[in-house]
C-alpha atoms as a PDB file:
ATOM      1  CA  MET A   1     134.475 101.627 129.355  1.00  0.00           C
ATOM      2  CA  GLY A   2     132.327 101.341 126.367  1.00  0.00           C
ATOM      3  CA  LEU A   3     128.595 101.265 126.025  1.00  0.00           C
ATOM      4  CA  ASP A   4     126.546  98.107 125.473  1.00  0.00           C
ATOM      5  CA  TYR A   5     124.746  99.108 122.481  1.00  0.00           C
ATOM      6  CA  ARG A   6     122.934  95.985 121.936  1.00  0.00           C
ATOM      7  CA  GLY A   7     121.765  95.983 125.485  1.00  0.00           C
ATOM      8  CA  LEU A   8     120.805  99.625 125.016  1.00  0.00           C
ATOM      9  CA  ILE A   9     118.953  98.818 121.761  1.00  0.00           C
ATOM     10  CA  HIS A  10     116.840  96.041 123.257  1.00  0.00           C
ATOM     11  CA  GLN A  11     116.310  98.119 126.269  1.00  0.00           C
ATOM     12  CA  VAL A  12     114.716 101.060 124.185  1.00  0.00           C
ATOM     13  CA  ASP A  13     112.934  98.624 121.748  1.00  0.00           C
ATOM     14  CA  SER A  14     111.455  96.928 124.806  1.00  0.00           C
ATOM     15  CA  MET A  15     110.291 100.117 126.408  1.00  0.00           C
ATOM     16  CA  ILE A  16     108.556 101.201 123.145  1.00  0.00           C
ATOM     17  CA  ARG A  17     106.900  97.835 122.688  1.00  0.00           C
ATOM     18  CA  SER A  18     106.015  97.184 126.246  1.00  0.00           C
ATOM     19  CA  SER A  19     104.856 100.869 127.132  1.00  0.00           C
ATOM     20  CA  VAL A  20     103.732 102.650 124.069  1.00  0.00           C
ATOM     21  CA  LEU A  21     102.286  99.856 121.925  1.00  0.00           C
ATOM     22  CA  ARG A  22     100.942  98.049 124.694  1.00  0.00           C
ATOM     23  CA  SER A  23      98.971 101.170 126.002  1.00  0.00           C
ATOM     24  CA  LEU A  24      97.748 102.046 122.263  1.00  0.00           C
ATOM     25  CA  GLY A  25      96.719  98.442 121.880  1.00  0.00           C
ATOM     26  CA  ASP A  26      94.509  98.519 125.282  1.00  0.00           C
ATOM     27  CA  LEU A  27      93.037 101.598 123.996  1.00  0.00           C
ATOM     28  CA  GLU A  28      92.432 100.079 120.548  1.00  0.00           C
ATOM     29  CA  SER A  29      90.590  97.335 122.335  1.00  0.00           C
ATOM     30  CA  SER A  30      88.377  99.520 124.387  1.00  0.00           C
ATOM     31  CA  MET A  31      87.304 101.692 121.384  1.00  0.00           C
ATOM     32  CA  GLU A  32      86.755  98.524 119.357  1.00  0.00           C
ATOM     33  CA  GLY A  33      84.422  97.490 122.175  1.00  0.00           C
ATOM     34  CA  ILE A  34      82.525 100.904 121.936  1.00  0.00           C
ATOM     35  CA  ILE A  35      82.101 100.259 118.052  1.00  0.00           C
ATOM     36  CA  GLU A  36      81.089  96.890 118.658  1.00  0.00           C
ATOM     37  CA  LEU A  37      78.297  97.974 121.151  1.00  0.00           C
ATOM     38  CA  ILE A  38      76.984 100.659 118.577  1.00  0.00           C
ATOM     39  CA  THR A  39      77.138  98.419 115.401  1.00  0.00           C
ATOM     40  CA  GLU A  40      75.499  95.568 117.315  1.00  0.00           C
ATOM     41  CA  ALA A  41      72.622  97.975 118.341  1.00  0.00           C
ATOM     42  CA  LEU A  42      72.357  99.050 114.655  1.00  0.00           C
ATOM     43  CA  ASN A  43      72.642  95.548 113.351  1.00  0.00           C
ATOM     44  CA  VAL A  44      75.426  96.641 110.922  1.00  0.00           C
ATOM     45  CA  GLU A  45      78.819  95.305 109.885  1.00  0.00           C
ATOM     46  CA  LYS A  46      81.631  96.477 112.189  1.00  0.00           C
ATOM     47  CA  PRO A  47      84.398  98.265 110.663  1.00  0.00           C
ATOM     48  CA  ARG A  48      87.945  97.544 111.387  1.00  0.00           C
ATOM     49  CA  LEU A  49      89.713 100.128 113.841  1.00  0.00           C
ATOM     50  CA  ILE A  50      93.343 101.413 114.151  1.00  0.00           C
ATOM     51  CA  VAL A  51      94.270 103.923 116.758  1.00  0.00           C
ATOM     52  CA  THR A  52      97.241 105.896 115.862  1.00  0.00           C
ATOM     53  CA  ILE A  53      99.564 108.300 117.695  1.00  0.00           C
ATOM     54  CA  ASN A  54     100.408 110.073 114.398  1.00  0.00           C
ATOM     55  CA  ASN A  55      98.579 113.204 112.898  1.00  0.00           C
ATOM     56  CA  ILE A  56      96.004 112.534 110.338  1.00  0.00           C
ATOM     57  CA  ASN A  57      95.237 114.787 107.458  1.00  0.00           C
ATOM     58  CA  GLU A  58      92.162 114.539 105.213  1.00  0.00           C
ATOM     59  CA  CYS A  59      93.067 117.448 102.960  1.00  0.00           C
ATOM     60  CA  GLY A  60      92.817 116.475  99.290  1.00  0.00           C
ATOM     61  CA  ARG A  61      94.747 118.022  96.308  1.00  0.00           C
ATOM     62  CA  PHE A  62      93.030 121.315  96.610  1.00  0.00           C
ATOM     63  CA  ASP A  63      92.322 121.583 100.449  1.00  0.00           C
ATOM     64  CA  SER A  64      94.004 123.146 103.336  1.00  0.00           C
ATOM     65  CA  GLY A  65      92.818 124.376 106.634  1.00  0.00           C
ATOM     66  CA  PRO A  66      90.861 122.244 109.248  1.00  0.00           C
ATOM     67  CA  CYS A  67      90.882 119.123 107.308  1.00  0.00           C
ATOM     68  CA  SER A  68      94.943 119.129 107.895  1.00  0.00           C
ATOM     69  CA  SER A  69      94.465 118.581 111.725  1.00  0.00           C
ATOM     70  CA  ILE A  70      91.573 116.153 112.081  1.00  0.00           C
ATOM     71  CA  LEU A  71      91.561 113.243 114.792  1.00  0.00           C
ATOM     72  CA  GLY A  72      90.293 110.482 112.403  1.00  0.00           C
ATOM     73  CA  ILE A  73      89.555 109.407 108.710  1.00  0.00           C
ATOM     74  CA  TYR A  74      87.220 106.652 107.594  1.00  0.00           C
ATOM     75  CA  ILE A  75      88.792 104.556 104.706  1.00  0.00           C
ATOM     76  CA  ALA A  76      86.195 103.087 102.921  1.00  0.00           C
ATOM     77  CA  GLY A  77      88.199 100.734 100.654  1.00  0.00           C
ATOM     78  CA  ASP A  78      88.597  98.440 103.464  1.00  0.00           C
ATOM     79  CA  SER A  79      85.987  99.436 105.905  1.00  0.00           C
ATOM     80  CA  THR A  80      88.505 100.942 108.443  1.00  0.00           C
ATOM     81  CA  ILE A  81      88.389 103.889 110.805  1.00  0.00           C
ATOM     82  CA  LEU A  82      91.796 105.309 111.527  1.00  0.00           C
ATOM     83  CA  VAL A  83      91.637 107.426 114.584  1.00  0.00           C
ATOM     84  CA  ASN A  84      93.940 109.308 116.671  1.00  0.00           C
ATOM     85  CA  TYR A  85      94.232 108.336 120.532  1.00  0.00           C
ATOM     86  CA  LYS A  86      93.096 111.754 121.273  1.00  0.00           C
ATOM     87  CA  ALA A  87      89.773 111.371 119.538  1.00  0.00           C
ATOM     88  CA  ASP A  88      86.756 112.168 121.384  1.00  0.00           C
ATOM     89  CA  LEU A  89      83.512 110.271 121.265  1.00  0.00           C
ATOM     90  CA  GLY A  90      82.103 112.445 118.726  1.00  0.00           C
ATOM     91  CA  THR A  91      85.029 111.887 116.218  1.00  0.00           C
ATOM     92  CA  MET A  92      84.263 108.268 116.680  1.00  0.00           C
ATOM     93  CA  LEU A  93      80.510 108.953 115.917  1.00  0.00           C
ATOM     94  CA  HIS A  94      81.251 111.001 113.018  1.00  0.00           C
ATOM     95  CA  LEU A  95      83.661 108.343 111.547  1.00  0.00           C
ATOM     96  CA  LEU A  96      81.154 105.575 112.313  1.00  0.00           C
ATOM     97  CA  SER A  97      78.634 107.681 110.165  1.00  0.00           C
ATOM     98  CA  HIS A  98      80.859 107.541 107.294  1.00  0.00           C
ATOM     99  CA  HIS A  99      81.088 103.922 107.579  1.00  0.00           C
ATOM    100  CA  LEU A 100      77.105 103.628 107.724  1.00  0.00           C
ATOM    101  CA  GLN A 101      77.024 105.994 104.751  1.00  0.00           C
ATOM    102  CA  ALA A 102      79.367 103.607 102.786  1.00  0.00           C
ATOM    103  CA  LEU A 103      77.325 100.572 103.935  1.00  0.00           C
ATOM    104  CA  GLU A 104      74.131 102.081 102.549  1.00  0.00           C
ATOM    105  CA  ASN A 105      75.281 103.308  99.308  1.00  0.00           C
ATOM    106  CA  GLY A 106      77.890 100.697  98.630  1.00  0.00           C
ATOM    107  CA  LYS A 107      81.727 101.174  98.935  1.00  0.00           C
ATOM    108  CA  ALA A 108      82.341 101.944  95.166  1.00  0.00           C
ATOM    109  CA  ARG A 109      79.702 104.746  95.258  1.00  0.00           C
ATOM    110  CA  TYR A 110      80.678 106.109  98.518  1.00  0.00           C
ATOM    111  CA  ILE A 111      84.325 106.496  97.058  1.00  0.00           C
ATOM    112  CA  GLN A 112      83.183 107.729  93.679  1.00  0.00           C
ATOM    113  CA  VAL A 113      80.959 110.568  95.578  1.00  0.00           C
ATOM    114  CA  LYS A 114      83.861 111.241  98.073  1.00  0.00           C
ATOM    115  CA  GLU A 115      86.425 111.621  95.220  1.00  0.00           C
ATOM    116  CA  THR A 116      83.929 113.961  93.398  1.00  0.00           C
ATOM    117  CA  GLU A 117      83.299 116.211  96.331  1.00  0.00           C
ATOM    118  CA  GLU A 118      86.888 116.552  97.181  1.00  0.00           C
ATOM    119  CA  VAL A 119      87.525 117.686  93.565  1.00  0.00           C
ATOM    120  CA  ARG A 120      84.684 120.275  93.898  1.00  0.00           C
ATOM    121  CA  LEU A 121      84.121 121.468  97.221  1.00  0.00           C
ATOM    122  CA  PRO A 122      86.354 122.485 100.382  1.00  0.00           C
ATOM    123  CA  TRP A 123      86.312 119.840 103.096  1.00  0.00           C
ATOM    124  CA  GLU A 124      84.098 121.566 105.667  1.00  0.00           C
ATOM    125  CA  ILE A 125      81.264 122.077 103.148  1.00  0.00           C
ATOM    126  CA  ARG A 126      81.202 118.448 101.412  1.00  0.00           C
ATOM    127  CA  PRO A 127      77.674 116.783 101.554  1.00  0.00           C
ATOM    128  CA  LEU A 128      79.300 113.606 102.867  1.00  0.00           C
ATOM    129  CA  GLU A 129      80.748 115.493 105.687  1.00  0.00           C
ATOM    130  CA  ALA A 130      77.565 117.392 106.666  1.00  0.00           C
ATOM    131  CA  ASN A 131      75.579 114.185 106.412  1.00  0.00           C
ATOM    132  CA  ALA A 132      77.926 112.510 108.932  1.00  0.00           C
ATOM    133  CA  VAL A 133      77.957 115.487 111.387  1.00  0.00           C
ATOM    134  CA  ILE A 134      74.117 115.018 111.351  1.00  0.00           C
ATOM    135  CA  ARG A 135      74.305 111.396 111.653  1.00  0.00           C
ATOM    136  CA  ALA A 136      76.670 111.643 114.506  1.00  0.00           C
ATOM    137  CA  ALA A 137      74.291 113.866 116.464  1.00  0.00           C
ATOM    138  CA  TYR A 138      71.459 111.312 115.854  1.00  0.00           C
ATOM    139  CA  LEU A 139      73.714 108.540 117.065  1.00  0.00           C
ATOM    140  CA  ALA A 140      74.609 110.402 120.011  1.00  0.00           C
ATOM    141  CA  ARG A 141      71.107 110.544 120.978  1.00  0.00           C
ATOM    142  CA  SER A 142      70.556 106.668 120.522  1.00  0.00           C
ATOM    143  CA  ILE A 143      73.619 104.923 121.648  1.00  0.00           C
ATOM    144  CA  PRO A 144      73.284 102.564 124.503  1.00  0.00           C
ATOM    145  CA  PRO A 145      74.351 104.153 127.967  1.00  0.00           C
ATOM    146  CA  LYS A 146      77.089 101.658 128.231  1.00  0.00           C
ATOM    147  CA  VAL A 147      79.153 103.585 125.553  1.00  0.00           C
ATOM    148  CA  PHE A 148      79.567 106.654 127.807  1.00  0.00           C
ATOM    149  CA  LYS A 149      80.318 104.714 130.702  1.00  0.00           C
ATOM    150  CA  VAL A 150      83.032 102.733 128.882  1.00  0.00           C
ATOM    151  CA  TRP A 151      84.461 105.936 127.069  1.00  0.00           C
ATOM    152  CA  ASN A 152      84.719 107.860 130.467  1.00  0.00           C
ATOM    153  CA  GLU A 153      85.928 104.981 132.662  1.00  0.00           C
ATOM    154  CA  GLU A 154      88.146 103.143 130.111  1.00  0.00           C
ATOM    155  CA  VAL A 155      89.112 105.206 126.854  1.00  0.00           C
ATOM    156  CA  ARG A 156      89.814 108.615 128.746  1.00  0.00           C
ATOM    157  CA  PRO A 157      92.151 106.934 131.254  1.00  0.00           C
ATOM    158  CA  MET A 158      93.864 104.731 128.677  1.00  0.00           C
ATOM    159  CA  ALA A 159      94.575 107.777 126.314  1.00  0.00           C
ATOM    160  CA  ARG A 160      96.321 109.641 129.219  1.00  0.00           C
ATOM    161  CA  GLU A 161      98.377 106.394 129.745  1.00  0.00           C
ATOM    162  CA  VAL A 162      99.400 106.491 126.110  1.00  0.00           C
ATOM    163  CA  ASP A 163     100.205 110.271 126.364  1.00  0.00           C
ATOM    164  CA  GLU A 164     102.403 109.338 129.434  1.00  0.00           C
ATOM    165  CA  SER A 165     104.216 106.437 127.790  1.00  0.00           C
ATOM    166  CA  VAL A 166     104.786 108.446 124.442  1.00  0.00           C
ATOM    167  CA  ASN A 167     106.023 111.289 126.454  1.00  0.00           C
ATOM    168  CA  LYS A 168     108.427 109.100 128.359  1.00  0.00           C
ATOM    169  CA  ALA A 169     109.720 107.488 125.070  1.00  0.00           C
ATOM    170  CA  ARG A 170     110.189 110.800 123.332  1.00  0.00           C
ATOM    171  CA  ALA A 171     112.135 111.884 126.421  1.00  0.00           C
ATOM    172  CA  LEU A 172     114.392 109.035 126.301  1.00  0.00           C
ATOM    173  CA  ILE A 173     115.018 109.114 122.497  1.00  0.00           C
ATOM    174  CA  SER A 174     115.868 112.788 122.733  1.00  0.00           C
ATOM    175  CA  HIS A 175     118.516 112.190 125.706  1.00  0.00           C
ATOM    176  CA  LEU A 176     119.957 109.554 123.545  1.00  0.00           C
ATOM    177  CA  SER A 177     120.107 111.979 120.418  1.00  0.00           C
ATOM    178  CA  ARG A 178     121.719 114.666 122.597  1.00  0.00           C
ATOM    179  CA  SER A 179     124.325 112.127 124.090  1.00  0.00           C
ATOM    180  CA  MET A 180     125.184 111.059 120.452  1.00  0.00           C
ATOM    181  CA  GLU A 181     125.749 114.767 119.670  1.00  0.00           C
ATOM    182  CA  LEU A 182     127.985 115.293 122.444  1.00  0.00           C
ATOM    183  CA  ILE A 183     130.072 112.352 121.709  1.00  0.00           C
ATOM    184  CA  LEU A 184     130.347 113.649 117.897  1.00  0.00           C
ATOM    185  CA  ASP A 185     131.459 116.996 119.255  1.00  0.00           C
ATOM    186  CA  ARG A 186     134.133 115.523 121.471  1.00  0.00           C
ATOM    187  CA  ARG A 187     135.565 113.437 118.727  1.00  0.00           C
ATOM    188  CA  GLN A 188     135.821 116.310 116.465  1.00  0.00           C
END
């Protein structure tokens, strides 16, 4: 009795697409709604948002430490916030603050300053980072109350759903890998 490899491949692919990617997409939509609420209130251009399961590292050529385990990064070149699905609202506000810096100073100038700071200073004491911390605190005081409601009632539960679907997919892939190893051991 042989395995139906095509059926198994389809089943695994379907599980990842319908569970993990769907959950991640739903979470991204809710987070985009929050970004939209804030940017509309500020009357500024909304950045693109990408939510990822992957770890994010903002360490430059000369850095190590806290910058290697952050939960988001702002990519000024294409006005994109890349955020890990486990990020909190403070992280989102911090990243949005970087977007506001780029809008105020111009993307090219923001990128130039960021690159210069990267060469000269450790990540945690760069002026752009310090400014973003302060601005995020200001934003936290002035954002519409609906933002907190959406974050608590939509984003947090969806992040848990992403966790569950990722854990199920990882368990399945791990099981399949162990099965393959057993098959190889038996055949040798």
